[in-house]
Amino acid sequence: ENGEMFDELFAQYYATVHRLETNKLRNVAKIFAHLLHSDSMPWSCLEYILLNEEETTSSSRIFIKILFQEISEYMGLTKLRESMEDR
């Protein structure tokens, strides 16, 4: 299924996001935001994100910020919060 493939791609990109230049990082985050809000990939992919000082880089924090900004623009904050609580 496509959702599983997108999930694997998310894991790969998130693991190597520190290698991307800023514009590519932004574009990748926007693509995944679109896939998430349209339910084209499982929200469980967010489990790959571990928010702590040891396991994040400045690039991964920027990626996360752009990802959630884009999702909130698509869905609105209320619906995003509901979606996060449902999953």
Protein backbone atom coordinates (compact mmCIF):
# COMPACT_ATOMS: atom_id res chain seq x y z
CA GLU A 1 0.00 0.00 0.00
CA ASN A 2 1.13 3.56 -0.69
CA GLY A 3 0.65 4.63 2.91
CA GLU A 4 3.23 2.10 4.09
CA MET A 5 5.69 3.24 1.45
CA PHE A 6 5.20 6.87 2.47
CA ASP A 7 5.72 5.84 6.09
CA GLU A 8 9.05 4.24 5.18
CA LEU A 9 10.05 7.31 3.18
CA PHE A 10 9.20 9.55 6.12
CA ALA A 11 11.49 7.48 8.35
CA GLN A 12 14.31 7.67 5.79
CA TYR A 13 13.98 11.41 5.20
CA TYR A 14 13.63 12.23 8.88
CA ALA A 15 16.76 10.22 9.68
CA THR A 16 18.76 12.13 7.06
CA VAL A 17 17.11 15.54 7.25
CA HIS A 18 20.33 17.06 8.61
CA ARG A 19 21.91 16.49 5.18
CA LEU A 20 19.31 18.54 3.29
CA GLU A 21 19.76 22.17 2.40
CA THR A 22 17.09 24.49 3.76
CA ASN A 23 14.90 24.76 0.64
CA LYS A 24 14.82 21.01 0.11
CA LEU A 25 14.11 20.46 3.80
CA ARG A 26 11.16 22.87 3.54
CA ASN A 27 9.81 21.14 0.41
CA VAL A 28 10.10 17.67 1.93
CA ALA A 29 8.28 18.83 5.07
CA LYS A 30 5.52 20.35 2.91
CA ILE A 31 5.07 17.14 0.93
CA PHE A 32 4.74 15.06 4.10
CA ALA A 33 2.36 17.64 5.61
CA HIS A 34 0.13 17.30 2.56
CA LEU A 35 0.26 13.49 2.71
CA LEU A 36 -0.63 13.52 6.41
CA HIS A 37 -3.52 15.98 6.20
CA SER A 38 -5.00 14.14 3.22
CA ASP A 39 -4.68 10.81 5.10
CA SER A 40 -2.51 9.42 2.31
CA MET A 41 -0.06 8.15 4.89
CA PRO A 42 -0.56 6.97 8.46
CA TRP A 43 -0.18 9.47 11.28
CA SER A 44 1.76 6.79 13.12
CA CYS A 45 4.81 7.92 11.12
CA LEU A 46 5.15 10.70 13.70
CA GLU A 47 6.41 8.02 16.09
CA TYR A 48 9.78 8.36 14.36
CA ILE A 49 10.09 11.84 15.84
CA LEU A 50 11.68 11.77 19.27
CA LEU A 51 11.68 15.24 20.78
CA ASN A 52 14.63 15.49 23.08
CA GLU A 53 17.92 17.30 23.01
CA GLU A 54 20.03 14.24 22.24
CA GLU A 55 18.01 12.96 19.29
CA THR A 56 17.17 16.15 17.42
CA THR A 57 19.31 18.46 15.35
CA SER A 58 18.59 22.03 14.34
CA SER A 59 17.58 20.69 10.92
CA SER A 60 15.16 18.15 12.37
CA ARG A 61 13.61 20.82 14.60
CA ILE A 62 13.14 23.07 11.57
CA PHE A 63 11.61 20.13 9.68
CA ILE A 64 9.16 19.45 12.52
CA LYS A 65 8.25 23.13 12.75
CA ILE A 66 7.52 23.41 9.02
CA LEU A 67 5.66 20.09 9.01
CA PHE A 68 3.27 21.17 11.76
CA GLN A 69 2.89 24.72 10.44
CA GLU A 70 1.82 23.33 7.08
CA ILE A 71 -0.55 20.77 8.59
CA SER A 72 -2.13 23.45 10.77
CA GLU A 73 -2.62 25.67 7.72
CA TYR A 74 -4.38 22.83 5.89
CA MET A 75 -6.49 21.63 8.81
CA GLY A 76 -6.65 24.46 11.31
CA LEU A 77 -5.37 24.12 14.85
CA THR A 78 -8.57 22.68 16.31
CA LYS A 79 -8.84 19.88 13.76
CA LEU A 80 -5.10 19.18 14.02
CA ARG A 81 -5.37 18.86 17.79
CA GLU A 82 -8.34 16.52 17.41
CA SER A 83 -6.45 14.43 14.86
CA MET A 84 -3.44 14.17 17.16
CA GLU A 85 -5.64 13.10 20.08
CA ASP A 86 -7.49 10.52 17.96
CA ARG A 87 -4.33 8.78 16.93
